[in-house]
Amino acid sequence: MEDLEPASAFDKDPFELTAEDVYDISYVIGRELMKVSSPVGCPGVSELQYKIIRVLEMFESLVNKHNLTVEELKMEQANLKAETERLHRDLQKASSETRQPENKASVDLADPNRPRFTLGELREVLQERNELKAKLLVVQEELQYYKNSLVSSKEASVIERENASTASRGSEQTMIKKLFNFKRRNNP
């Protein structure tokens, strides 16, 4: 509640002053200066008046800036409080979700669908399976290599036999054999 007396602004805490309080202070100082100044006019008093007016203007600016800063801080505090409450709710929700699996860990031993292995045992089984798959791939590659070398050695022996039989017969090759030999040379 505001006081009706302009002089009451002098009794307020400096951090609680408003722009209206500064105007009240200016009014009181202006009244006092009017009493002090003579009708003839003293140049010292008028210079002092201008300096006091300038100080009061600066004082008004500082009070306005202070009040704006206080309002900004209150708004920021309200925002931070709302954010803290939201994060607290999220934390409670997340912690309740993580507690649920712990409650489900107590399993009925008579249940035929109950887990029979621990997580560590399952990891070991999966690792062993992956190692066996890798070994199987290596063995399959070796088998393919040996099959290819066996096939190529059979082809080489067939070609050697054909060359030996053709050499014994001399130049009596039929047109069909010439065609097959020609195709075999073009398709390695």
C-alpha atoms as a PDB file:
ATOM      1  CA  MET A   1       0.000   0.000   0.000  1.00  0.00           C
ATOM      2  CA  GLU A   2       1.394   3.384  -0.997  1.00  0.00           C
ATOM      3  CA  ASP A   3       1.713   6.321   1.366  1.00  0.00           C
ATOM      4  CA  LEU A   4      -0.020   9.558   0.404  1.00  0.00           C
ATOM      5  CA  GLU A   5       2.775  11.784   1.733  1.00  0.00           C
ATOM      6  CA  PRO A   6       5.567  12.444  -0.797  1.00  0.00           C
ATOM      7  CA  ALA A   7       8.071  12.731   2.073  1.00  0.00           C
ATOM      8  CA  SER A   8       7.437   9.088   3.017  1.00  0.00           C
ATOM      9  CA  ALA A   9       9.549   8.034  -0.003  1.00  0.00           C
ATOM     10  CA  PHE A  10      12.630   9.066   1.993  1.00  0.00           C
ATOM     11  CA  ASP A  11      11.800   6.434   4.620  1.00  0.00           C
ATOM     12  CA  LYS A  12      11.646   3.494   2.178  1.00  0.00           C
ATOM     13  CA  ASP A  13      14.351   0.918   1.627  1.00  0.00           C
ATOM     14  CA  PRO A  14      16.425   1.998  -1.420  1.00  0.00           C
ATOM     15  CA  PHE A  15      15.857  -1.387  -3.097  1.00  0.00           C
ATOM     16  CA  GLU A  16      12.084  -1.008  -2.814  1.00  0.00           C
ATOM     17  CA  LEU A  17      11.878   2.408  -4.456  1.00  0.00           C
ATOM     18  CA  THR A  18       9.789   2.863  -7.577  1.00  0.00           C
ATOM     19  CA  ALA A  19       9.772   5.585 -10.228  1.00  0.00           C
ATOM     20  CA  GLU A  20       6.835   7.232  -8.423  1.00  0.00           C
ATOM     21  CA  ASP A  21       8.937   7.393  -5.259  1.00  0.00           C
ATOM     22  CA  VAL A  22      11.662   9.178  -7.225  1.00  0.00           C
ATOM     23  CA  TYR A  23       9.066  11.685  -8.467  1.00  0.00           C
ATOM     24  CA  ASP A  24       7.921  12.236  -4.874  1.00  0.00           C
ATOM     25  CA  ILE A  25      11.512  12.819  -3.761  1.00  0.00           C
ATOM     26  CA  SER A  26      11.988  15.275  -6.641  1.00  0.00           C
ATOM     27  CA  TYR A  27       8.857  17.117  -5.596  1.00  0.00           C
ATOM     28  CA  VAL A  28      10.005  17.428  -1.969  1.00  0.00           C
ATOM     29  CA  ILE A  29      13.504  18.605  -2.978  1.00  0.00           C
ATOM     30  CA  GLY A  30      12.024  21.058  -5.473  1.00  0.00           C
ATOM     31  CA  ARG A  31       9.758  22.528  -2.778  1.00  0.00           C
ATOM     32  CA  GLU A  32      12.700  22.922  -0.412  1.00  0.00           C
ATOM     33  CA  LEU A  33      14.798  24.598  -3.115  1.00  0.00           C
ATOM     34  CA  MET A  34      11.981  27.038  -3.801  1.00  0.00           C
ATOM     35  CA  LYS A  35      11.957  28.007  -0.133  1.00  0.00           C
ATOM     36  CA  VAL A  36      15.740  28.541  -0.104  1.00  0.00           C
ATOM     37  CA  SER A  37      15.959  30.566  -3.293  1.00  0.00           C
ATOM     38  CA  SER A  38      15.462  34.288  -2.955  1.00  0.00           C
ATOM     39  CA  PRO A  39      13.309  36.417  -5.204  1.00  0.00           C
ATOM     40  CA  VAL A  40      16.425  38.172  -6.502  1.00  0.00           C
ATOM     41  CA  GLY A  41      17.909  34.831  -7.508  1.00  0.00           C
ATOM     42  CA  CYS A  42      21.226  33.492  -6.511  1.00  0.00           C
ATOM     43  CA  PRO A  43      23.243  31.901  -9.312  1.00  0.00           C
ATOM     44  CA  GLY A  44      24.696  29.293  -6.926  1.00  0.00           C
ATOM     45  CA  VAL A  45      21.264  28.033  -5.961  1.00  0.00           C
ATOM     46  CA  SER A  46      20.080  27.753  -9.566  1.00  0.00           C
ATOM     47  CA  GLU A  47      23.229  25.811 -10.536  1.00  0.00           C
ATOM     48  CA  LEU A  48      22.644  23.535  -7.562  1.00  0.00           C
ATOM     49  CA  GLN A  49      19.055  23.091  -8.717  1.00  0.00           C
ATOM     50  CA  TYR A  50      20.178  21.847 -12.159  1.00  0.00           C
ATOM     51  CA  LYS A  51      22.699  19.478 -10.607  1.00  0.00           C
ATOM     52  CA  ILE A  52      20.062  18.088  -8.265  1.00  0.00           C
ATOM     53  CA  ILE A  53      17.663  17.628 -11.188  1.00  0.00           C
ATOM     54  CA  ARG A  54      20.384  15.737 -13.100  1.00  0.00           C
ATOM     55  CA  VAL A  55      21.096  13.512 -10.085  1.00  0.00           C
ATOM     56  CA  LEU A  56      17.374  12.807  -9.709  1.00  0.00           C
ATOM     57  CA  GLU A  57      17.112  11.857 -13.406  1.00  0.00           C
ATOM     58  CA  MET A  58      20.026   9.426 -13.008  1.00  0.00           C
ATOM     59  CA  PHE A  59      18.417   8.118  -9.838  1.00  0.00           C
ATOM     60  CA  GLU A  60      15.153   7.542 -11.726  1.00  0.00           C
ATOM     61  CA  SER A  61      17.004   5.622 -14.470  1.00  0.00           C
ATOM     62  CA  LEU A  62      18.756   3.440 -11.925  1.00  0.00           C
ATOM     63  CA  VAL A  63      15.502   2.694 -10.091  1.00  0.00           C
ATOM     64  CA  ASN A  64      13.775   1.767 -13.370  1.00  0.00           C
ATOM     65  CA  LYS A  65      16.684  -0.459 -14.385  1.00  0.00           C
ATOM     66  CA  HIS A  66      16.713  -2.084 -10.951  1.00  0.00           C
ATOM     67  CA  ASN A  67      12.964  -2.754 -11.099  1.00  0.00           C
ATOM     68  CA  LEU A  68      13.259  -4.250 -14.591  1.00  0.00           C
ATOM     69  CA  THR A  69      16.105  -6.468 -13.455  1.00  0.00           C
ATOM     70  CA  VAL A  70      14.082  -7.608 -10.451  1.00  0.00           C
ATOM     71  CA  GLU A  71      11.120  -8.446 -12.712  1.00  0.00           C
ATOM     72  CA  GLU A  72      13.367 -10.334 -15.138  1.00  0.00           C
ATOM     73  CA  LEU A  73      14.874 -12.309 -12.274  1.00  0.00           C
ATOM     74  CA  LYS A  74      11.412 -13.152 -10.937  1.00  0.00           C
ATOM     75  CA  MET A  75      10.352 -14.383 -14.379  1.00  0.00           C
ATOM     76  CA  GLU A  76      13.537 -16.411 -14.749  1.00  0.00           C
ATOM     77  CA  GLN A  77      13.025 -17.859 -11.280  1.00  0.00           C
ATOM     78  CA  ALA A  78       9.464 -18.860 -12.202  1.00  0.00           C
ATOM     79  CA  ASN A  79      10.715 -20.468 -15.435  1.00  0.00           C
ATOM     80  CA  LEU A  80      13.464 -22.335 -13.607  1.00  0.00           C
ATOM     81  CA  LYS A  81      11.008 -23.497 -10.968  1.00  0.00           C
ATOM     82  CA  ALA A  82       8.645 -24.804 -13.661  1.00  0.00           C
ATOM     83  CA  GLU A  83      11.565 -26.529 -15.425  1.00  0.00           C
ATOM     84  CA  THR A  84      12.721 -28.066 -12.139  1.00  0.00           C
ATOM     85  CA  GLU A  85       9.239 -29.392 -11.445  1.00  0.00           C
ATOM     86  CA  ARG A  86       9.017 -30.851 -14.972  1.00  0.00           C
ATOM     87  CA  LEU A  87      12.421 -32.507 -14.618  1.00  0.00           C
ATOM     88  CA  HIS A  88      11.432 -33.851 -11.201  1.00  0.00           C
ATOM     89  CA  ARG A  89       8.276 -35.385 -12.704  1.00  0.00           C
ATOM     90  CA  ASP A  90      10.318 -36.875 -15.562  1.00  0.00           C
ATOM     91  CA  LEU A  91      12.794 -38.307 -13.066  1.00  0.00           C
ATOM     92  CA  GLN A  92      10.020 -39.867 -11.000  1.00  0.00           C
ATOM     93  CA  LYS A  93       8.454 -41.316 -14.150  1.00  0.00           C
ATOM     94  CA  ALA A  94      11.797 -42.735 -15.312  1.00  0.00           C
ATOM     95  CA  SER A  95      12.597 -44.183 -11.899  1.00  0.00           C
ATOM     96  CA  SER A  96       9.165 -45.820 -11.699  1.00  0.00           C
ATOM     97  CA  GLU A  97       9.730 -47.349 -15.142  1.00  0.00           C
ATOM     98  CA  THR A  98      13.090 -48.760 -14.082  1.00  0.00           C
ATOM     99  CA  ARG A  99      11.609 -50.197 -10.909  1.00  0.00           C
ATOM    100  CA  GLN A 100       9.001 -52.207 -12.787  1.00  0.00           C
ATOM    101  CA  PRO A 101      11.474 -54.754 -14.215  1.00  0.00           C
ATOM    102  CA  GLU A 102      12.840 -55.303 -10.705  1.00  0.00           C
ATOM    103  CA  ASN A 103       9.343 -56.199  -9.573  1.00  0.00           C
ATOM    104  CA  LYS A 104       9.006 -58.577 -12.513  1.00  0.00           C
ATOM    105  CA  ALA A 105      12.278 -60.306 -11.624  1.00  0.00           C
ATOM    106  CA  SER A 106      10.495 -62.482  -9.083  1.00  0.00           C
ATOM    107  CA  VAL A 107       9.341 -65.267 -11.387  1.00  0.00           C
ATOM    108  CA  ASP A 108       7.169 -68.231 -10.567  1.00  0.00           C
ATOM    109  CA  LEU A 109       9.394 -71.310 -10.752  1.00  0.00           C
ATOM    110  CA  ALA A 110       6.475 -73.456 -11.899  1.00  0.00           C
ATOM    111  CA  ASP A 111       5.917 -71.223 -14.925  1.00  0.00           C
ATOM    112  CA  PRO A 112       7.003 -73.108 -18.074  1.00  0.00           C
ATOM    113  CA  ASN A 113       7.777 -69.805 -19.860  1.00  0.00           C
ATOM    114  CA  ARG A 114      10.107 -68.479 -17.150  1.00  0.00           C
ATOM    115  CA  PRO A 115      13.647 -67.461 -18.097  1.00  0.00           C
ATOM    116  CA  ARG A 116      16.068 -70.314 -17.624  1.00  0.00           C
ATOM    117  CA  PHE A 117      19.352 -68.538 -18.226  1.00  0.00           C
ATOM    118  CA  THR A 118      20.968 -65.464 -16.778  1.00  0.00           C
ATOM    119  CA  LEU A 119      21.889 -62.561 -18.997  1.00  0.00           C
ATOM    120  CA  GLY A 120      25.577 -63.415 -18.632  1.00  0.00           C
ATOM    121  CA  GLU A 121      24.967 -67.004 -19.741  1.00  0.00           C
ATOM    122  CA  LEU A 122      23.037 -65.794 -22.784  1.00  0.00           C
ATOM    123  CA  ARG A 123      25.896 -63.463 -23.700  1.00  0.00           C
ATOM    124  CA  GLU A 124      28.370 -66.355 -23.475  1.00  0.00           C
ATOM    125  CA  VAL A 125      26.166 -68.549 -25.679  1.00  0.00           C
ATOM    126  CA  LEU A 126      25.821 -65.787 -28.281  1.00  0.00           C
ATOM    127  CA  GLN A 127      29.576 -65.179 -28.275  1.00  0.00           C
ATOM    128  CA  GLU A 128      30.263 -68.890 -28.709  1.00  0.00           C
ATOM    129  CA  ARG A 129      27.708 -69.046 -31.540  1.00  0.00           C
ATOM    130  CA  ASN A 130      29.429 -66.137 -33.314  1.00  0.00           C
ATOM    131  CA  GLU A 131      32.831 -67.819 -32.945  1.00  0.00           C
ATOM    132  CA  LEU A 132      31.440 -71.066 -34.383  1.00  0.00           C
ATOM    133  CA  LYS A 133      29.907 -69.184 -37.315  1.00  0.00           C
ATOM    134  CA  ALA A 134      33.287 -67.607 -38.053  1.00  0.00           C
ATOM    135  CA  LYS A 135      34.981 -71.027 -37.960  1.00  0.00           C
ATOM    136  CA  LEU A 136      32.283 -72.462 -40.237  1.00  0.00           C
ATOM    137  CA  LEU A 137      32.903 -69.728 -42.797  1.00  0.00           C
ATOM    138  CA  VAL A 138      36.646 -70.443 -42.733  1.00  0.00           C
ATOM    139  CA  VAL A 139      36.033 -74.167 -43.246  1.00  0.00           C
ATOM    140  CA  GLN A 140      33.590 -73.478 -46.101  1.00  0.00           C
ATOM    141  CA  GLU A 141      36.185 -71.272 -47.815  1.00  0.00           C
ATOM    142  CA  GLU A 142      38.824 -73.994 -47.458  1.00  0.00           C
ATOM    143  CA  LEU A 143      36.414 -76.584 -48.855  1.00  0.00           C
ATOM    144  CA  GLN A 144      35.653 -74.358 -51.829  1.00  0.00           C
ATOM    145  CA  TYR A 145      39.387 -73.850 -52.405  1.00  0.00           C
ATOM    146  CA  TYR A 146      40.053 -77.605 -52.374  1.00  0.00           C
ATOM    147  CA  LYS A 147      37.087 -78.272 -54.662  1.00  0.00           C
ATOM    148  CA  ASN A 148      38.386 -75.709 -57.142  1.00  0.00           C
ATOM    149  CA  SER A 149      41.893 -77.146 -57.068  1.00  0.00           C
ATOM    150  CA  LEU A 150      40.486 -80.691 -57.487  1.00  0.00           C
ATOM    151  CA  VAL A 151      38.345 -79.652 -60.453  1.00  0.00           C
ATOM    152  CA  SER A 152      41.225 -77.820 -62.098  1.00  0.00           C
ATOM    153  CA  SER A 153      43.517 -80.847 -61.660  1.00  0.00           C
ATOM    154  CA  LYS A 154      40.839 -83.134 -63.212  1.00  0.00           C
ATOM    155  CA  GLU A 155      40.455 -80.759 -66.138  1.00  0.00           C
ATOM    156  CA  ALA A 156      44.218 -80.718 -66.603  1.00  0.00           C
ATOM    157  CA  SER A 157      44.355 -84.534 -66.650  1.00  0.00           C
ATOM    158  CA  VAL A 158      41.451 -84.701 -69.146  1.00  0.00           C
ATOM    159  CA  ILE A 159      43.197 -82.217 -71.406  1.00  0.00           C
ATOM    160  CA  GLU A 160      46.459 -84.174 -71.149  1.00  0.00           C
ATOM    161  CA  ARG A 161      44.657 -87.397 -72.069  1.00  0.00           C
ATOM    162  CA  GLU A 162      43.002 -85.741 -75.034  1.00  0.00           C
ATOM    163  CA  ASN A 163      46.322 -84.322 -76.174  1.00  0.00           C
ATOM    164  CA  ALA A 164      47.930 -87.757 -75.884  1.00  0.00           C
ATOM    165  CA  SER A 165      45.136 -89.458 -77.835  1.00  0.00           C
ATOM    166  CA  THR A 166      45.181 -86.828 -80.542  1.00  0.00           C
ATOM    167  CA  ALA A 167      48.940 -87.085 -80.859  1.00  0.00           C
ATOM    168  CA  SER A 168      48.671 -90.829 -81.365  1.00  0.00           C
ATOM    169  CA  ARG A 169      46.025 -90.503 -83.995  1.00  0.00           C
ATOM    170  CA  GLY A 170      47.936 -87.838 -85.736  1.00  0.00           C
ATOM    171  CA  SER A 171      46.057 -85.477 -87.890  1.00  0.00           C
ATOM    172  CA  GLU A 172      42.918 -87.584 -88.159  1.00  0.00           C
ATOM    173  CA  GLN A 173      40.664 -85.360 -86.142  1.00  0.00           C
ATOM    174  CA  THR A 174      37.068 -85.088 -86.971  1.00  0.00           C
ATOM    175  CA  MET A 175      35.325 -81.802 -87.396  1.00  0.00           C
ATOM    176  CA  ILE A 176      33.461 -82.238 -84.076  1.00  0.00           C
ATOM    177  CA  LYS A 177      36.689 -82.638 -82.071  1.00  0.00           C
ATOM    178  CA  LYS A 178      38.186 -79.609 -83.772  1.00  0.00           C
ATOM    179  CA  LEU A 179      35.109 -77.616 -82.825  1.00  0.00           C
ATOM    180  CA  PHE A 180      35.279 -78.786 -79.148  1.00  0.00           C
ATOM    181  CA  ASN A 181      38.994 -78.020 -78.917  1.00  0.00           C
ATOM    182  CA  PHE A 182      38.420 -74.619 -80.453  1.00  0.00           C
ATOM    183  CA  LYS A 183      35.644 -73.855 -77.932  1.00  0.00           C
ATOM    184  CA  ARG A 184      37.748 -75.086 -74.997  1.00  0.00           C
ATOM    185  CA  ARG A 185      40.636 -72.822 -75.945  1.00  0.00           C
ATOM    186  CA  ASN A 186      38.364 -69.774 -76.238  1.00  0.00           C
ATOM    187  CA  ASN A 187      36.540 -70.444 -72.916  1.00  0.00           C
ATOM    188  CA  PRO A 188      39.099 -70.906 -70.141  1.00  0.00           C
END
